[in-house]
């Protein structure tokens, strides 16, 4: 099969199109013909060498699959050849990721693809959708009538998080560039703060009458994470999906009795099934910002890292068509 193989850590030149063997299928596993995948920040972090202990080289990486079941192993009863499925492969798993024509996956991670989505749309949502669900539903326990601040609402995770929060009945404030304000409002954001022109702490105070927000969803990290407690109401919750490479000063959280959650997304069928129901009811929708063929995976990585493609900012996900 054709696959994009990471041959060394570093630049996109180390993402090479090669012919490699199709992985073997064991009990409880599916062999899936990948139709589409997408690129996540985790992918370029792995590529540049942020997690060398977890990724032996050479490696096939990638964390989104929408495709068709080709073969099932012994003990698989919920799926059959020809079924359309979508899922996130096991992160740092032993059988490789989604940058390939075929992927082998444990059945417990897989869900039937939403009927109303194309493969490209379905592939754009598995990891970001699962991350938003775990962050807002499982960890933050966001409630109707609460207010959430979502940092980076125009990005892959943020664009889904806005929609999910609105579905849950929350008031949504998000940060973005001025050029993205209309876009995030179209997703359901009640307020959009231009982080380049204004201090979001002051803006949130004004928008909430100095009461603050109940939840902060951090997709940025660094100084943004350090200052997030300044916008929290008493007993508020902060959920961050950004790993912390250097010590963070979170003393501001002490004065409001803040609750912190740091999320490394765990894959399971339950979260995907819940997302599938929302997708089929059109309560949330995929957002695709750019599309590339498999052979141009390096360009796809570059576009996501730069946040732009063909001179335009990327809104939502970068998708890669495999088949």
Protein backbone atom coordinates (compact mmCIF):
# COMPACT_ATOMS: atom_id res chain seq x y z
CA UNK A 1 0.00 0.00 0.00
CA UNK A 2 1.03 3.62 -0.44
CA UNK A 3 1.70 5.53 2.75
CA UNK A 4 3.35 8.71 3.94
CA UNK A 5 6.26 7.56 6.09
CA UNK A 6 8.01 9.81 8.61
CA UNK A 7 11.66 8.87 8.12
CA UNK A 8 13.26 11.36 10.54
CA UNK A 9 12.14 14.09 12.92
CA UNK A 10 12.25 17.61 11.57
CA UNK A 11 10.85 19.32 8.48
CA UNK A 12 8.18 18.26 6.03
CA UNK A 13 10.84 16.80 3.72
CA UNK A 14 10.89 13.80 6.06
CA UNK A 15 7.29 12.92 5.12
CA UNK A 16 7.94 10.55 2.21
CA UNK A 17 5.50 8.67 -0.01
CA UNK A 18 6.48 4.99 0.03
CA UNK A 19 5.10 1.52 -0.71
CA UNK A 20 4.89 -0.52 2.49
CA UNK A 21 3.13 -3.76 3.52
CA UNK A 22 -0.50 -3.71 4.61
CA UNK A 23 -0.66 -4.28 8.41
CA UNK A 24 -1.88 -7.68 9.59
CA UNK A 25 -5.38 -8.03 11.05
CA UNK A 26 -5.75 -9.85 14.37
CA UNK A 27 -8.71 -10.81 16.56
CA UNK A 28 -11.00 -7.90 17.36
CA UNK A 29 -9.54 -5.69 14.62
CA UNK A 30 -10.71 -4.19 11.34
CA UNK A 31 -8.75 -3.51 8.18
CA UNK A 32 -10.09 -0.23 6.82
CA UNK A 33 -9.45 1.24 3.38
CA UNK A 34 -8.79 4.89 4.16
CA UNK A 35 -10.68 7.30 1.90
CA UNK A 36 -9.79 10.51 3.73
CA UNK A 37 -7.75 11.71 6.68
CA UNK A 38 -6.83 15.12 8.08
CA UNK A 39 -3.95 16.94 9.74
CA UNK A 40 -3.86 17.98 13.40
CA UNK A 41 -1.36 19.98 15.44
CA UNK A 42 -0.43 16.70 17.12
CA UNK A 43 0.76 15.45 13.73
CA UNK A 44 3.25 18.24 13.11
CA UNK A 45 4.35 18.13 16.75
CA UNK A 46 5.20 14.44 16.28
CA UNK A 47 6.89 15.19 12.94
CA UNK A 48 9.16 17.87 14.39
CA UNK A 49 10.22 15.56 17.25
CA UNK A 50 8.18 16.57 20.30
CA UNK A 51 7.45 12.95 21.29
CA UNK A 52 10.42 10.85 20.14
CA UNK A 53 10.07 8.27 22.92
CA UNK A 54 6.55 7.40 21.75
CA UNK A 55 7.15 7.23 17.99
CA UNK A 56 9.82 4.78 16.79
CA UNK A 57 10.99 5.64 13.28
CA UNK A 58 10.20 5.05 10.49
CA UNK A 59 6.53 5.62 11.31
CA UNK A 60 3.15 6.17 9.68
CA UNK A 61 1.37 8.83 11.72
CA UNK A 62 -2.05 10.48 11.40
CA UNK A 63 -5.11 10.56 13.65
CA UNK A 64 -8.30 10.73 11.58
CA UNK A 65 -9.87 8.07 9.39
CA UNK A 66 -12.97 7.92 7.29
CA UNK A 67 -13.12 4.88 5.08
CA UNK A 68 -14.57 1.50 4.21
CA UNK A 69 -14.12 -1.80 6.05
CA UNK A 70 -12.05 -4.14 3.88
CA UNK A 71 -11.72 -7.13 6.21
CA UNK A 72 -12.57 -8.05 9.80
CA UNK A 73 -10.67 -10.24 12.23
CA UNK A 74 -12.09 -13.01 14.43
CA UNK A 75 -14.48 -11.78 17.09
CA UNK A 76 -15.70 -8.72 15.19
CA UNK A 77 -19.50 -8.75 14.99
CA UNK A 78 -20.55 -5.08 14.76
CA UNK A 79 -18.92 -4.41 11.39
CA UNK A 80 -18.62 -6.17 8.05
CA UNK A 81 -16.75 -5.57 4.78
CA UNK A 82 -18.27 -2.65 2.90
CA UNK A 83 -19.34 -0.71 6.00
CA UNK A 84 -18.45 2.99 5.98
CA UNK A 85 -16.75 3.96 9.25
CA UNK A 86 -14.93 6.83 10.92
CA UNK A 87 -12.63 6.95 13.93
CA UNK A 88 -9.38 8.14 15.49
CA UNK A 89 -6.65 5.46 15.37
CA UNK A 90 -4.98 4.66 18.66
CA UNK A 91 -2.64 7.57 19.39
CA UNK A 92 0.96 6.28 19.50
CA UNK A 93 -0.47 2.88 18.58
CA UNK A 94 1.69 0.00 17.33
CA UNK A 95 0.02 -0.48 13.93
CA UNK A 96 0.42 2.97 12.48
CA UNK A 97 -1.78 5.94 11.76
CA UNK A 98 -4.01 7.24 9.02
CA UNK A 99 -1.52 8.57 6.43
CA UNK A 100 -1.89 5.39 4.39
CA UNK A 101 -4.24 3.55 2.05
CA UNK A 102 -5.11 1.05 4.79
CA UNK A 103 -5.32 1.19 8.58
CA UNK A 104 -5.84 -1.54 11.18
CA UNK A 105 -7.89 -0.56 14.21
CA UNK A 106 -9.44 -2.23 17.30
CA UNK A 107 -13.22 -2.49 16.84
CA UNK A 108 -13.96 -0.62 20.09
CA UNK A 109 -12.62 2.62 18.58
CA UNK A 110 -14.82 2.53 15.48
CA UNK A 111 -18.27 3.95 14.65
CA UNK A 112 -20.32 3.86 11.46
CA UNK A 113 -19.83 7.05 9.44
CA UNK A 114 -22.64 9.63 9.67
CA UNK A 115 -24.96 9.06 6.72
CA UNK A 116 -25.11 12.73 5.76
CA UNK A 117 -21.34 13.34 5.60
CA UNK A 118 -18.81 12.77 2.86
CA UNK A 119 -15.65 10.90 3.79
CA UNK A 120 -13.70 14.18 3.74
CA UNK A 121 -16.17 15.76 6.15
CA UNK A 122 -16.16 12.74 8.44
CA UNK A 123 -12.35 12.60 8.50
CA UNK A 124 -12.23 16.23 9.56
CA UNK A 125 -14.05 15.65 12.81
CA UNK A 126 -12.93 12.51 14.63
CA UNK A 127 -10.01 13.80 16.73
CA UNK A 128 -11.19 17.40 17.12
CA UNK A 129 -14.74 16.30 17.84
CA UNK A 130 -13.61 13.79 20.44
CA UNK A 131 -11.33 16.41 22.00
CA UNK A 132 -14.10 19.01 22.20
CA UNK A 133 -16.51 16.45 23.67
CA UNK A 134 -14.08 15.25 26.33
CA UNK A 135 -13.11 18.83 27.20
CA UNK A 136 -16.55 20.42 27.46
CA UNK A 137 -18.80 17.49 28.35
CA UNK A 138 -16.64 15.07 30.34
CA UNK A 139 -14.18 17.42 32.04
CA UNK A 140 -15.68 20.93 32.23
CA UNK A 141 -19.21 19.57 32.69
CA UNK A 142 -20.53 22.65 30.90
CA UNK A 143 -24.15 23.38 31.75
CA UNK A 144 -26.97 25.20 29.96
CA UNK A 145 -26.98 28.96 30.70
CA UNK A 146 -23.30 28.93 31.70
CA UNK A 147 -20.77 31.06 29.83
CA UNK A 148 -17.67 29.61 28.17
CA UNK A 149 -14.64 31.37 26.71
CA UNK A 150 -13.13 29.37 23.84
CA UNK A 151 -9.64 30.45 22.85
CA UNK A 152 -8.98 30.07 19.12
CA UNK A 153 -12.54 29.60 17.90
CA UNK A 154 -11.66 29.58 14.19
CA UNK A 155 -9.32 26.58 14.47
CA UNK A 156 -10.03 22.89 14.03
CA UNK A 157 -10.96 22.16 17.64
CA UNK A 158 -12.38 25.61 18.35
CA UNK A 159 -14.81 25.53 15.42
CA UNK A 160 -16.35 22.30 16.73
CA UNK A 161 -16.20 23.43 20.37
CA UNK A 162 -18.28 26.54 19.59
CA UNK A 163 -21.00 24.44 17.99
CA UNK A 164 -20.97 21.84 20.75
CA UNK A 165 -21.18 24.48 23.49
CA UNK A 166 -24.16 26.13 21.77
CA UNK A 167 -25.85 22.74 21.44
CA UNK A 168 -25.40 22.37 25.20
CA UNK A 169 -27.18 25.69 25.76
CA UNK A 170 -24.17 27.77 26.81
CA UNK A 171 -23.31 31.38 26.02
CA UNK A 172 -20.15 31.33 23.91
CA UNK A 173 -17.42 33.97 23.84
CA UNK A 174 -14.44 33.23 21.62
CA UNK A 175 -11.15 34.81 20.61
CA UNK A 176 -10.08 35.10 16.97
CA UNK A 177 -8.66 37.53 14.44
CA UNK A 178 -10.98 40.31 13.30
CA UNK A 179 -11.18 38.69 9.85
CA UNK A 180 -12.64 35.53 11.44
CA UNK A 181 -15.36 37.23 13.50
CA UNK A 182 -18.21 36.65 11.04
CA UNK A 183 -17.12 33.05 10.60
CA UNK A 184 -17.16 32.17 14.32
CA UNK A 185 -20.50 33.92 14.74
CA UNK A 186 -21.87 31.77 11.90
CA UNK A 187 -20.92 28.74 14.01
CA UNK A 188 -22.90 30.08 16.96
CA UNK A 189 -20.49 32.28 18.93
CA UNK A 190 -22.37 35.01 20.77
CA UNK A 191 -19.32 37.27 21.04
CA UNK A 192 -16.01 37.38 19.15
CA UNK A 193 -12.97 39.12 20.67
CA UNK A 194 -10.19 40.29 18.36
CA UNK A 195 -7.20 39.16 20.41
CA UNK A 196 -4.83 41.24 18.26
CA UNK A 197 -6.61 44.52 18.99
CA UNK A 198 -7.89 44.11 22.55
CA UNK A 199 -7.02 42.47 25.85
CA UNK A 200 -9.38 39.52 26.13
CA UNK A 201 -9.37 39.78 29.94
CA UNK A 202 -10.78 43.31 29.79
CA UNK A 203 -13.22 42.36 27.05
CA UNK A 204 -14.59 39.37 28.94
CA UNK A 205 -15.03 41.50 32.06
CA UNK A 206 -17.04 44.02 30.05
CA UNK A 207 -19.13 41.37 28.28
CA UNK A 208 -20.01 39.58 31.52
CA UNK A 209 -20.53 42.62 33.72
CA UNK A 210 -17.35 41.69 35.64
CA UNK A 211 -18.88 38.35 36.65
CA UNK A 212 -16.47 36.29 34.53
CA UNK A 213 -17.04 33.02 32.70
CA UNK A 214 -17.78 29.60 34.13
CA UNK A 215 -15.46 27.70 31.77
CA UNK A 216 -12.34 28.51 29.77
CA UNK A 217 -11.40 26.13 26.95
CA UNK A 218 -7.72 26.71 26.11
CA UNK A 219 -6.34 25.63 22.73
CA UNK A 220 -3.37 28.04 22.79
CA UNK A 221 -1.33 27.52 25.98
CA UNK A 222 1.56 29.66 27.25
CA UNK A 223 0.61 33.19 28.40
CA UNK A 224 -2.99 32.55 27.32
CA UNK A 225 -3.25 29.68 29.79
CA UNK A 226 -1.53 31.68 32.54
CA UNK A 227 -3.95 34.60 32.20
CA UNK A 228 -7.13 32.55 31.75
CA UNK A 229 -7.96 32.48 35.51
CA UNK A 230 -8.32 36.26 35.35
CA UNK A 231 -11.59 35.82 33.44
CA UNK A 232 -13.05 33.07 35.63
CA UNK A 233 -16.03 33.37 37.91
CA UNK A 234 -15.52 31.90 41.38
CA UNK A 235 -15.23 28.13 41.17
CA UNK A 236 -14.76 28.25 37.40
CA UNK A 237 -13.11 25.53 35.34
CA UNK A 238 -10.22 25.66 32.89
CA UNK A 239 -9.69 22.88 30.36
CA UNK A 240 -6.49 22.94 28.29
CA UNK A 241 -5.50 20.64 25.43
CA UNK A 242 -1.98 22.10 25.20
CA UNK A 243 0.93 20.22 26.73
CA UNK A 244 3.15 22.27 29.04
CA UNK A 245 6.82 22.17 28.06
CA UNK A 246 7.83 24.88 30.54
CA UNK A 247 6.53 25.71 34.03
CA UNK A 248 3.37 27.83 34.08
CA UNK A 249 2.50 30.35 36.77
CA UNK A 250 -1.10 29.55 37.69
CA UNK A 251 -1.24 31.60 40.89
CA UNK A 252 -4.18 33.59 39.49
CA UNK A 253 -6.27 30.44 39.74
CA UNK A 254 -5.92 30.30 43.52
CA UNK A 255 -8.01 33.40 44.24
CA UNK A 256 -11.08 32.04 42.42
CA UNK A 257 -10.78 28.40 43.54
CA UNK A 258 -10.34 27.37 39.92
CA UNK A 259 -10.55 23.78 38.77
CA UNK A 260 -8.03 22.69 36.11
CA UNK A 261 -8.14 19.84 33.61
CA UNK A 262 -5.38 18.95 31.13
CA UNK A 263 -6.76 16.77 28.36
CA UNK A 264 -5.00 14.12 26.32
CA UNK A 265 -7.89 12.74 24.31
CA UNK A 266 -8.79 9.10 24.80
CA UNK A 267 -10.46 7.34 21.90
CA UNK A 268 -13.65 5.36 22.34
CA UNK A 269 -16.79 4.52 20.41
CA UNK A 270 -19.10 6.25 22.90
CA UNK A 271 -17.87 9.79 22.19
CA UNK A 272 -17.95 9.23 18.44
CA UNK A 273 -21.44 7.80 18.61
CA UNK A 274 -22.65 10.89 20.50
CA UNK A 275 -21.00 13.13 17.90
CA UNK A 276 -22.48 11.07 15.07
CA UNK A 277 -25.99 11.69 16.41
CA UNK A 278 -25.37 15.45 16.57
CA UNK A 279 -23.89 15.43 13.06
CA UNK A 280 -26.81 13.50 11.59
CA UNK A 281 -29.25 15.89 13.29
CA UNK A 282 -27.18 18.78 11.86
CA UNK A 283 -26.65 20.27 15.30
CA UNK A 284 -22.94 20.54 14.48
CA UNK A 285 -21.23 20.55 11.11
CA UNK A 286 -17.70 19.85 9.89
CA UNK A 287 -15.57 22.81 8.84
CA UNK A 288 -12.96 22.18 6.12
CA UNK A 289 -10.44 24.92 5.46
CA UNK A 290 -8.18 23.27 2.85
CA UNK A 291 -7.86 19.96 1.00
CA UNK A 292 -4.76 18.14 -0.33
CA UNK A 293 -3.98 14.77 -1.98
CA UNK A 294 -1.96 12.19 -0.04
CA UNK A 295 1.18 12.86 -2.08
CA UNK A 296 1.16 16.49 -0.87
CA UNK A 297 1.14 15.73 2.85
CA UNK A 298 4.13 18.03 3.39
CA UNK A 299 2.17 20.95 1.93
CA UNK A 300 -0.77 20.06 4.16
CA UNK A 301 1.48 20.20 7.24
CA UNK A 302 2.92 23.52 6.12
CA UNK A 303 -0.54 25.01 5.61
CA UNK A 304 -1.71 23.99 9.08
CA UNK A 305 1.45 25.26 10.77
CA UNK A 306 1.22 28.61 8.94
CA UNK A 307 -2.53 28.83 9.41
CA UNK A 308 -3.01 29.81 5.78
CA UNK A 309 -3.19 28.36 2.27
CA UNK A 310 -3.01 30.21 -1.06
CA UNK A 311 -2.88 33.48 0.83
CA UNK A 312 -6.09 32.86 2.79
CA UNK A 313 -6.45 32.00 6.49
CA UNK A 314 -7.50 28.43 7.19
CA UNK A 315 -10.82 28.04 8.97
CA UNK A 316 -11.37 24.62 10.50
CA UNK A 317 -9.53 21.50 9.37
CA UNK A 318 -6.94 20.59 6.73
CA UNK A 319 -8.20 17.43 5.01
CA UNK A 320 -6.20 14.94 2.91
CA UNK A 321 -7.88 12.74 0.31
CA UNK A 322 -6.29 9.29 0.25
CA UNK A 323 -8.48 7.41 -2.23
